[in-house]
Amino acid sequence: MEHKNKKDFNRPFADSKVSKFMTRRIEELGMPNREIAQRAGFTSGPNIISMIKNGDVKLPLDRVVPMARALNTDARALMRMALEQYMPIKDYPELSKVMDDVLSDNEREILNLIRETAANTDPGLNDHRRDAIKKAFAV
């Protein structure tokens, strides 16, 4: 039997996209975990928010939409991240094909701006454009 290291055993989802995203987003909003928990409909209080942020537990899929509202973020984007906790993309390549076609409202808006800016000419992605996009969206 393969033994996990202590960090993996105690916080199996600490490196998940959900954990990292929620930690960053809650910090950006400047709201206490208690308020996030209330807005997302968690009756167990702020502890569940801390546990998700720390990677102790997965974000329950039935809480994704209310959590997205609480975080003022797109539910589709949060659902993509949450699904990866349950079904890691690397283990289910067919899931990646399905999820890659799902755009969040923000992604759709960015894509529409690109189309508008390029006069719907379907511009290719060259090094200059790739670098500009990376610079514009670096976190």
Protein backbone atom coordinates (compact mmCIF):
# COMPACT_ATOMS: atom_id res chain seq x y z
CA MET A 1 0.00 0.00 0.00
CA GLU A 2 1.35 3.40 -0.96
CA HIS A 3 1.51 5.86 1.92
CA LYS A 4 0.70 9.49 1.35
CA ASN A 5 2.78 12.14 2.98
CA LYS A 6 1.28 13.93 5.94
CA LYS A 7 0.30 17.02 3.93
CA ASP A 8 -1.60 14.93 1.35
CA PHE A 9 -3.33 12.94 4.07
CA ASN A 10 -4.44 15.96 6.06
CA ARG A 11 -5.25 18.31 3.18
CA PRO A 12 -5.87 16.25 0.06
CA PHE A 13 -7.28 19.18 -1.93
CA ALA A 14 -4.85 21.90 -0.82
CA ASP A 15 -3.44 22.28 -4.32
CA SER A 16 -6.81 22.22 -6.06
CA LYS A 17 -7.94 25.07 -8.27
CA VAL A 18 -11.00 25.53 -6.06
CA SER A 19 -8.93 25.93 -2.93
CA LYS A 20 -6.58 28.44 -4.53
CA PHE A 21 -9.38 30.33 -6.29
CA MET A 22 -11.59 30.64 -3.21
CA THR A 23 -8.69 31.79 -1.05
CA ARG A 24 -7.74 34.49 -3.56
CA ARG A 25 -11.33 35.56 -4.32
CA ILE A 26 -12.38 35.86 -0.68
CA GLU A 27 -9.28 37.95 -0.01
CA GLU A 28 -10.16 40.19 -2.99
CA LEU A 29 -13.71 40.63 -1.70
CA GLY A 30 -12.52 41.34 1.82
CA MET A 31 -15.43 39.41 3.31
CA PRO A 32 -15.22 37.18 6.35
CA ASN A 33 -15.78 33.44 5.92
CA ARG A 34 -18.97 33.73 7.98
CA GLU A 35 -20.55 36.05 5.41
CA ILE A 36 -19.46 33.85 2.50
CA ALA A 37 -20.93 30.80 4.25
CA GLN A 38 -24.24 32.58 4.86
CA ARG A 39 -24.47 33.82 1.28
CA ALA A 40 -23.69 30.34 -0.06
CA GLY A 41 -26.29 28.74 2.21
CA PHE A 42 -23.97 26.71 4.43
CA THR A 43 -25.70 26.15 7.74
CA SER A 44 -22.51 24.81 9.34
CA GLY A 45 -21.03 28.28 9.39
CA PRO A 46 -17.62 29.65 8.45
CA ASN A 47 -15.69 26.47 9.26
CA ILE A 48 -16.73 24.82 6.01
CA ILE A 49 -15.33 27.77 4.05
CA SER A 50 -12.01 27.45 5.87
CA MET A 51 -11.98 23.71 5.21
CA ILE A 52 -12.57 24.21 1.47
CA LYS A 53 -9.94 26.96 1.27
CA ASN A 54 -7.41 24.83 3.18
CA GLY A 55 -8.10 21.82 1.00
CA ASP A 56 -9.51 19.65 3.76
CA VAL A 57 -12.75 18.97 1.86
CA LYS A 58 -14.14 19.29 -1.64
CA LEU A 59 -16.59 21.99 -2.59
CA PRO A 60 -19.90 20.11 -2.73
CA LEU A 61 -21.25 20.20 -6.27
CA ASP A 62 -24.71 21.17 -5.06
CA ARG A 63 -23.16 24.28 -3.47
CA VAL A 64 -21.29 25.50 -6.57
CA VAL A 65 -23.99 27.86 -7.85
CA PRO A 66 -24.72 29.46 -4.45
CA MET A 67 -20.98 29.70 -3.79
CA ALA A 68 -20.45 31.39 -7.15
CA ARG A 69 -23.12 33.94 -6.24
CA ALA A 70 -21.50 34.49 -2.83
CA LEU A 71 -18.12 35.02 -4.49
CA ASN A 72 -19.59 37.15 -7.27
CA THR A 73 -18.05 34.87 -9.88
CA ASP A 74 -19.25 32.79 -12.79
CA ALA A 75 -20.84 29.47 -11.80
CA ARG A 76 -19.57 27.69 -14.94
CA ALA A 77 -15.97 28.56 -14.14
CA LEU A 78 -16.36 27.47 -10.52
CA MET A 79 -18.09 24.25 -11.60
CA ARG A 80 -15.15 23.40 -13.87
CA MET A 81 -12.78 23.81 -10.94
CA ALA A 82 -15.02 21.86 -8.56
CA LEU A 83 -15.46 18.96 -10.96
CA GLU A 84 -11.70 18.55 -11.10
CA GLN A 85 -11.74 17.77 -7.37
CA TYR A 86 -14.09 14.86 -8.05
CA MET A 87 -12.79 13.77 -11.45
CA PRO A 88 -9.26 15.03 -12.16
CA ILE A 89 -8.99 16.05 -15.81
CA LYS A 90 -5.76 14.09 -16.22
CA ASP A 91 -7.64 10.90 -15.31
CA TYR A 92 -10.64 11.62 -17.54
CA PRO A 93 -9.47 13.14 -20.83
CA GLU A 94 -13.00 12.92 -22.24
CA LEU A 95 -14.16 15.26 -19.46
CA SER A 96 -11.60 17.79 -20.63
CA LYS A 97 -13.11 17.76 -24.13
CA VAL A 98 -16.56 18.47 -22.70
CA MET A 99 -15.46 21.12 -20.21
CA ASP A 100 -13.15 22.97 -22.60
CA ASP A 101 -16.18 24.01 -24.64
CA VAL A 102 -17.95 25.54 -21.65
CA LEU A 103 -17.24 29.26 -21.46
CA SER A 104 -17.85 31.42 -18.43
CA ASP A 105 -19.59 34.74 -18.97
CA ASN A 106 -16.22 36.49 -18.54
CA GLU A 107 -14.53 34.23 -21.09
CA ARG A 108 -17.38 34.81 -23.53
CA GLU A 109 -17.05 38.58 -23.05
CA ILE A 110 -13.28 38.41 -23.68
CA LEU A 111 -13.82 36.30 -26.79
CA ASN A 112 -16.45 38.72 -28.08
CA LEU A 113 -14.08 41.64 -27.51
CA ILE A 114 -11.36 39.86 -29.49
CA ARG A 115 -13.83 39.24 -32.31
CA GLU A 116 -15.01 42.84 -32.25
CA THR A 117 -11.48 44.25 -32.11
CA ALA A 118 -10.37 42.01 -35.00
CA ALA A 119 -13.48 42.91 -37.04
CA ASN A 120 -14.46 39.23 -37.02
CA THR A 121 -11.43 38.30 -39.13
CA ASP A 122 -10.49 35.23 -37.03
CA PRO A 123 -6.95 36.38 -36.22
CA GLY A 124 -4.31 33.75 -35.62
CA LEU A 125 -2.41 33.50 -32.37
CA ASN A 126 1.17 34.61 -32.93
CA ASP A 127 3.92 35.17 -30.36
CA HIS A 128 3.11 38.86 -29.98
CA ARG A 129 -0.59 38.22 -29.29
CA ARG A 130 0.17 35.30 -27.00
CA ASP A 131 2.57 37.45 -24.94
CA ALA A 132 0.05 40.33 -24.80
CA ILE A 133 -2.71 38.03 -23.56
CA LYS A 134 -0.43 36.44 -20.94
CA LYS A 135 0.63 39.88 -19.73
CA ALA A 136 -2.96 41.16 -19.61
CA PHE A 137 -4.22 38.21 -17.56
CA ALA A 138 -1.26 37.35 -15.34
CA VAL A 139 -2.43 36.72 -11.79
